[in-house]
Amino acid sequence: MREGIKLTPLAFVLKACVRAIAEFPLFASSLDASGQNLVFKKYVHLGFAADTPNGLVVPVIRDADRKDIYEIARDLAALSEKARTGRLTAAEMQGAVFTVSSLGGIGGTAFTPIINAPEVAILGVARASMKPVYDNGSFKPRLMLPFALSYDHRVIDGAAGVRFTTFLGEVLRDARALTEAIP
């Protein structure tokens, strides 16, 4: 905790997505209204699904690629509070290039997230749990985080999707690296 900022698992996932999008910029693109032209974004605004008493909303953390994990966590907490109290503005729910939907707080083991158009991909994250992993002749406990990536096949093919999730998994394995300053 720094400056009273609580680092949640979702903050780590969002920061890891920033790194993955930097590596795979196609995931921060969109199709124009005609569906004929691909628009590449030069910014990384991340949406995150927030469960509220009035249903699901998707607040947007602006310029997540320019923020360290603590700034992302601060924005996440502030926007989540505004969502729960019904004080989000329309502008605070627009402009995302990629969204993360996390069911970790309420449970579940897997789900298929639906893409928020005009975005071309969305990450669904379920609840992490300790699982035995066979490593070097014995089973060792390891924290496993199930996630699923949905993407628009008009823009992203299966191989690119697997490369993105493989990279994302590698980034999440070293959570300490996510707390470092912006490169």
C-alpha atoms as a PDB file:
ATOM      1  CA  MET A   1       0.000   0.000   0.000  1.00  0.00           C
ATOM      2  CA  ARG A   2       1.381   3.415  -0.961  1.00  0.00           C
ATOM      3  CA  GLU A   3      -0.215   6.701   0.056  1.00  0.00           C
ATOM      4  CA  GLY A   4      -3.235   4.773   1.324  1.00  0.00           C
ATOM      5  CA  ILE A   5      -3.850   3.195  -2.086  1.00  0.00           C
ATOM      6  CA  LYS A   6      -4.980  -0.429  -1.969  1.00  0.00           C
ATOM      7  CA  LEU A   7      -3.638  -2.606  -4.767  1.00  0.00           C
ATOM      8  CA  THR A   8      -6.368  -5.029  -5.826  1.00  0.00           C
ATOM      9  CA  PRO A   9      -5.996  -7.987  -8.181  1.00  0.00           C
ATOM     10  CA  LEU A  10      -7.925  -6.017 -10.815  1.00  0.00           C
ATOM     11  CA  ALA A  11      -5.349  -3.210 -10.697  1.00  0.00           C
ATOM     12  CA  PHE A  12      -2.634  -5.760 -11.514  1.00  0.00           C
ATOM     13  CA  VAL A  13      -4.716  -7.189 -14.368  1.00  0.00           C
ATOM     14  CA  LEU A  14      -5.334  -3.711 -15.795  1.00  0.00           C
ATOM     15  CA  LYS A  15      -1.631  -2.836 -15.615  1.00  0.00           C
ATOM     16  CA  ALA A  16      -0.754  -6.154 -17.276  1.00  0.00           C
ATOM     17  CA  CYS A  17      -3.255  -5.347 -20.047  1.00  0.00           C
ATOM     18  CA  VAL A  18      -1.464  -2.026 -20.618  1.00  0.00           C
ATOM     19  CA  ARG A  19       1.766  -3.965 -21.185  1.00  0.00           C
ATOM     20  CA  ALA A  20       0.056  -6.508 -23.456  1.00  0.00           C
ATOM     21  CA  ILE A  21      -1.572  -3.767 -25.550  1.00  0.00           C
ATOM     22  CA  ALA A  22       1.816  -2.071 -25.936  1.00  0.00           C
ATOM     23  CA  GLU A  23       3.143  -5.358 -27.301  1.00  0.00           C
ATOM     24  CA  PHE A  24       0.044  -6.042 -29.438  1.00  0.00           C
ATOM     25  CA  PRO A  25      -1.396  -2.654 -30.525  1.00  0.00           C
ATOM     26  CA  LEU A  26      -4.037  -4.311 -32.706  1.00  0.00           C
ATOM     27  CA  PHE A  27      -5.972  -4.902 -29.470  1.00  0.00           C
ATOM     28  CA  ALA A  28      -6.348  -1.114 -29.046  1.00  0.00           C
ATOM     29  CA  SER A  29      -7.919  -0.615 -32.458  1.00  0.00           C
ATOM     30  CA  SER A  30     -11.514  -0.384 -33.606  1.00  0.00           C
ATOM     31  CA  LEU A  31     -13.542  -0.736 -36.745  1.00  0.00           C
ATOM     32  CA  ASP A  32     -15.181   2.419 -38.040  1.00  0.00           C
ATOM     33  CA  ALA A  33     -18.979   2.590 -38.352  1.00  0.00           C
ATOM     34  CA  SER A  34     -18.868   1.066 -41.847  1.00  0.00           C
ATOM     35  CA  GLY A  35     -16.849  -1.915 -40.598  1.00  0.00           C
ATOM     36  CA  GLN A  36     -14.475  -1.402 -43.525  1.00  0.00           C
ATOM     37  CA  ASN A  37     -11.666   0.616 -41.927  1.00  0.00           C
ATOM     38  CA  LEU A  38      -9.462  -0.162 -38.958  1.00  0.00           C
ATOM     39  CA  VAL A  39      -8.689   2.734 -36.618  1.00  0.00           C
ATOM     40  CA  PHE A  40      -5.541   2.474 -34.496  1.00  0.00           C
ATOM     41  CA  LYS A  41      -5.662   4.370 -31.194  1.00  0.00           C
ATOM     42  CA  LYS A  42      -2.629   6.249 -29.929  1.00  0.00           C
ATOM     43  CA  TYR A  43      -3.887   6.079 -26.353  1.00  0.00           C
ATOM     44  CA  VAL A  44      -4.869   3.342 -23.922  1.00  0.00           C
ATOM     45  CA  HIS A  45      -8.138   4.050 -22.138  1.00  0.00           C
ATOM     46  CA  LEU A  46      -9.171   0.895 -20.270  1.00  0.00           C
ATOM     47  CA  GLY A  47     -12.761   0.079 -19.398  1.00  0.00           C
ATOM     48  CA  PHE A  48     -13.631  -2.142 -16.477  1.00  0.00           C
ATOM     49  CA  ALA A  49     -16.996  -3.670 -15.716  1.00  0.00           C
ATOM     50  CA  ALA A  50     -18.493  -2.518 -12.414  1.00  0.00           C
ATOM     51  CA  ASP A  51     -21.429  -4.260 -10.764  1.00  0.00           C
ATOM     52  CA  THR A  52     -23.825  -1.705  -9.294  1.00  0.00           C
ATOM     53  CA  PRO A  53     -27.271  -1.856  -7.682  1.00  0.00           C
ATOM     54  CA  ASN A  54     -28.630  -0.579 -11.017  1.00  0.00           C
ATOM     55  CA  GLY A  55     -26.779  -3.068 -13.209  1.00  0.00           C
ATOM     56  CA  LEU A  56     -23.454  -3.307 -14.964  1.00  0.00           C
ATOM     57  CA  VAL A  57     -21.606  -0.152 -16.029  1.00  0.00           C
ATOM     58  CA  VAL A  58     -18.181   0.269 -17.621  1.00  0.00           C
ATOM     59  CA  PRO A  59     -16.136   3.178 -16.258  1.00  0.00           C
ATOM     60  CA  VAL A  60     -13.010   4.110 -18.204  1.00  0.00           C
ATOM     61  CA  ILE A  61      -9.519   4.755 -16.838  1.00  0.00           C
ATOM     62  CA  ARG A  62      -8.037   7.317 -19.185  1.00  0.00           C
ATOM     63  CA  ASP A  63      -4.409   7.140 -20.353  1.00  0.00           C
ATOM     64  CA  ALA A  64      -3.708   3.968 -18.381  1.00  0.00           C
ATOM     65  CA  ASP A  65      -0.496   3.580 -20.374  1.00  0.00           C
ATOM     66  CA  ARG A  66       0.854   6.748 -18.752  1.00  0.00           C
ATOM     67  CA  LYS A  67       0.050   5.657 -15.194  1.00  0.00           C
ATOM     68  CA  ASP A  68       1.821   3.448 -12.723  1.00  0.00           C
ATOM     69  CA  ILE A  69      -0.093   0.735 -10.911  1.00  0.00           C
ATOM     70  CA  TYR A  70      -0.835   3.022  -7.951  1.00  0.00           C
ATOM     71  CA  GLU A  71      -2.432   5.653 -10.187  1.00  0.00           C
ATOM     72  CA  ILE A  72      -4.456   2.936 -11.913  1.00  0.00           C
ATOM     73  CA  ALA A  73      -5.549   1.589  -8.513  1.00  0.00           C
ATOM     74  CA  ARG A  74      -6.525   5.101  -7.362  1.00  0.00           C
ATOM     75  CA  ASP A  75      -8.609   5.681 -10.527  1.00  0.00           C
ATOM     76  CA  LEU A  76     -10.123   2.210 -10.209  1.00  0.00           C
ATOM     77  CA  ALA A  77     -11.223   2.887  -6.623  1.00  0.00           C
ATOM     78  CA  ALA A  78     -12.574   6.375  -7.375  1.00  0.00           C
ATOM     79  CA  LEU A  79     -14.500   5.296 -10.478  1.00  0.00           C
ATOM     80  CA  SER A  80     -15.825   2.174  -8.708  1.00  0.00           C
ATOM     81  CA  GLU A  81     -17.157   4.331  -5.874  1.00  0.00           C
ATOM     82  CA  LYS A  82     -18.806   6.704  -8.347  1.00  0.00           C
ATOM     83  CA  ALA A  83     -20.346   3.705 -10.131  1.00  0.00           C
ATOM     84  CA  ARG A  84     -21.750   2.215  -6.898  1.00  0.00           C
ATOM     85  CA  THR A  85     -23.272   5.559  -5.885  1.00  0.00           C
ATOM     86  CA  GLY A  86     -24.684   6.318  -9.338  1.00  0.00           C
ATOM     87  CA  ARG A  87     -22.508   9.407  -9.883  1.00  0.00           C
ATOM     88  CA  LEU A  88     -20.647   8.373 -13.042  1.00  0.00           C
ATOM     89  CA  THR A  89     -20.982  10.781 -15.933  1.00  0.00           C
ATOM     90  CA  ALA A  90     -21.527   9.627 -19.506  1.00  0.00           C
ATOM     91  CA  ALA A  91     -18.035  10.889 -20.373  1.00  0.00           C
ATOM     92  CA  GLU A  92     -16.553   8.607 -17.673  1.00  0.00           C
ATOM     93  CA  MET A  93     -18.049   5.587 -19.459  1.00  0.00           C
ATOM     94  CA  GLN A  94     -16.871   6.357 -23.003  1.00  0.00           C
ATOM     95  CA  GLY A  95     -13.713   6.033 -25.042  1.00  0.00           C
ATOM     96  CA  ALA A  96     -12.257   2.711 -23.888  1.00  0.00           C
ATOM     97  CA  VAL A  97     -10.049   0.849 -26.353  1.00  0.00           C
ATOM     98  CA  PHE A  98     -10.165  -2.405 -24.332  1.00  0.00           C
ATOM     99  CA  THR A  99     -12.294  -3.626 -21.419  1.00  0.00           C
ATOM    100  CA  VAL A 100     -11.700  -6.009 -18.535  1.00  0.00           C
ATOM    101  CA  SER A 101     -14.691  -7.716 -16.965  1.00  0.00           C
ATOM    102  CA  SER A 102     -13.842  -9.304 -13.623  1.00  0.00           C
ATOM    103  CA  LEU A 103     -16.098 -11.705 -11.748  1.00  0.00           C
ATOM    104  CA  GLY A 104     -13.410 -12.409  -9.163  1.00  0.00           C
ATOM    105  CA  GLY A 105     -15.170 -10.452  -6.446  1.00  0.00           C
ATOM    106  CA  ILE A 106     -18.400 -12.435  -6.748  1.00  0.00           C
ATOM    107  CA  GLY A 107     -17.036 -15.857  -7.681  1.00  0.00           C
ATOM    108  CA  GLY A 108     -17.346 -17.970 -10.767  1.00  0.00           C
ATOM    109  CA  THR A 109     -14.751 -20.076 -12.492  1.00  0.00           C
ATOM    110  CA  ALA A 110     -15.155 -19.028 -16.119  1.00  0.00           C
ATOM    111  CA  PHE A 111     -17.318 -17.013 -18.487  1.00  0.00           C
ATOM    112  CA  THR A 112     -17.377 -15.600 -21.991  1.00  0.00           C
ATOM    113  CA  PRO A 113     -17.302 -11.804 -22.026  1.00  0.00           C
ATOM    114  CA  ILE A 114     -19.081  -9.933 -24.823  1.00  0.00           C
ATOM    115  CA  ILE A 115     -17.098  -7.329 -26.768  1.00  0.00           C
ATOM    116  CA  ASN A 116     -18.097  -3.688 -26.250  1.00  0.00           C
ATOM    117  CA  ALA A 117     -18.281  -2.228 -29.764  1.00  0.00           C
ATOM    118  CA  PRO A 118     -16.408  -0.428 -31.237  1.00  0.00           C
ATOM    119  CA  GLU A 119     -13.693  -2.192 -29.226  1.00  0.00           C
ATOM    120  CA  VAL A 120     -12.313  -5.355 -30.827  1.00  0.00           C
ATOM    121  CA  ALA A 121     -11.497  -7.356 -27.683  1.00  0.00           C
ATOM    122  CA  ILE A 122     -12.425  -7.852 -24.035  1.00  0.00           C
ATOM    123  CA  LEU A 123     -10.800  -9.828 -21.234  1.00  0.00           C
ATOM    124  CA  GLY A 124     -12.924 -11.793 -18.773  1.00  0.00           C
ATOM    125  CA  VAL A 125     -11.297 -12.618 -15.440  1.00  0.00           C
ATOM    126  CA  ALA A 126     -12.678 -15.139 -12.934  1.00  0.00           C
ATOM    127  CA  ARG A 127     -11.692 -15.726  -9.297  1.00  0.00           C
ATOM    128  CA  ALA A 128      -8.092 -16.703  -8.589  1.00  0.00           C
ATOM    129  CA  SER A 129      -7.461 -19.794  -6.494  1.00  0.00           C
ATOM    130  CA  MET A 130      -4.559 -21.901  -5.289  1.00  0.00           C
ATOM    131  CA  LYS A 131      -4.069 -25.049  -7.384  1.00  0.00           C
ATOM    132  CA  PRO A 132      -1.462 -27.813  -7.288  1.00  0.00           C
ATOM    133  CA  VAL A 133       0.915 -27.522 -10.248  1.00  0.00           C
ATOM    134  CA  TYR A 134       3.320 -30.301 -11.145  1.00  0.00           C
ATOM    135  CA  ASP A 135       6.813 -28.827 -11.282  1.00  0.00           C
ATOM    136  CA  ASN A 136      10.140 -30.639 -11.347  1.00  0.00           C
ATOM    137  CA  GLY A 137       8.873 -33.933  -9.931  1.00  0.00           C
ATOM    138  CA  SER A 138       6.432 -32.651  -7.314  1.00  0.00           C
ATOM    139  CA  PHE A 139       3.242 -30.693  -6.907  1.00  0.00           C
ATOM    140  CA  LYS A 140       3.569 -27.123  -5.689  1.00  0.00           C
ATOM    141  CA  PRO A 141       0.832 -24.662  -4.777  1.00  0.00           C
ATOM    142  CA  ARG A 142       0.373 -21.904  -7.323  1.00  0.00           C
ATOM    143  CA  LEU A 143      -2.111 -19.067  -7.582  1.00  0.00           C
ATOM    144  CA  MET A 144      -4.063 -19.571 -10.813  1.00  0.00           C
ATOM    145  CA  LEU A 145      -6.121 -16.827 -12.442  1.00  0.00           C
ATOM    146  CA  PRO A 146      -8.594 -18.074 -15.048  1.00  0.00           C
ATOM    147  CA  PHE A 147      -9.234 -15.584 -17.834  1.00  0.00           C
ATOM    148  CA  ALA A 148     -10.844 -15.608 -21.259  1.00  0.00           C
ATOM    149  CA  LEU A 149     -10.291 -13.289 -24.186  1.00  0.00           C
ATOM    150  CA  SER A 150     -13.091 -12.560 -26.647  1.00  0.00           C
ATOM    151  CA  TYR A 151     -12.155 -10.783 -29.866  1.00  0.00           C
ATOM    152  CA  ASP A 152     -13.596  -9.726 -33.188  1.00  0.00           C
ATOM    153  CA  HIS A 153     -12.318 -12.179 -35.816  1.00  0.00           C
ATOM    154  CA  ARG A 154     -12.657  -9.534 -38.509  1.00  0.00           C
ATOM    155  CA  VAL A 155      -9.657  -7.845 -36.842  1.00  0.00           C
ATOM    156  CA  ILE A 156      -7.878 -10.391 -34.636  1.00  0.00           C
ATOM    157  CA  ASP A 157      -7.237 -14.007 -35.561  1.00  0.00           C
ATOM    158  CA  GLY A 158      -6.839 -16.913 -33.155  1.00  0.00           C
ATOM    159  CA  ALA A 159      -3.043 -16.922 -33.288  1.00  0.00           C
ATOM    160  CA  ALA A 160      -2.903 -13.240 -32.289  1.00  0.00           C
ATOM    161  CA  GLY A 161      -5.384 -13.943 -29.484  1.00  0.00           C
ATOM    162  CA  VAL A 162      -3.215 -16.745 -28.103  1.00  0.00           C
ATOM    163  CA  ARG A 163      -0.074 -14.626 -28.346  1.00  0.00           C
ATOM    164  CA  PHE A 164      -1.839 -11.857 -26.403  1.00  0.00           C
ATOM    165  CA  THR A 165      -3.058 -14.174 -23.618  1.00  0.00           C
ATOM    166  CA  THR A 166       0.304 -15.968 -23.404  1.00  0.00           C
ATOM    167  CA  PHE A 167       2.087 -12.633 -23.032  1.00  0.00           C
ATOM    168  CA  LEU A 168      -0.506 -11.458 -20.504  1.00  0.00           C
ATOM    169  CA  GLY A 169       0.006 -14.609 -18.432  1.00  0.00           C
ATOM    170  CA  GLU A 170       3.761 -14.091 -18.448  1.00  0.00           C
ATOM    171  CA  VAL A 171       3.377 -10.487 -17.290  1.00  0.00           C
ATOM    172  CA  LEU A 172       0.978 -11.492 -14.513  1.00  0.00           C
ATOM    173  CA  ARG A 173       3.377 -14.201 -13.276  1.00  0.00           C
ATOM    174  CA  ASP A 174       5.784 -11.467 -12.162  1.00  0.00           C
ATOM    175  CA  ALA A 175       3.439  -9.098 -10.322  1.00  0.00           C
ATOM    176  CA  ARG A 176       6.382  -7.261  -8.724  1.00  0.00           C
ATOM    177  CA  ALA A 177       7.412  -5.968 -12.148  1.00  0.00           C
ATOM    178  CA  LEU A 178       3.991  -4.346 -12.495  1.00  0.00           C
ATOM    179  CA  THR A 179       4.654  -2.136  -9.461  1.00  0.00           C
ATOM    180  CA  GLU A 180       7.729  -0.564 -11.052  1.00  0.00           C
ATOM    181  CA  ALA A 181       7.635   2.937 -12.475  1.00  0.00           C
ATOM    182  CA  ILE A 182       6.458   3.489 -16.028  1.00  0.00           C
ATOM    183  CA  PRO A 183       9.243   2.465 -18.464  1.00  0.00           C
END
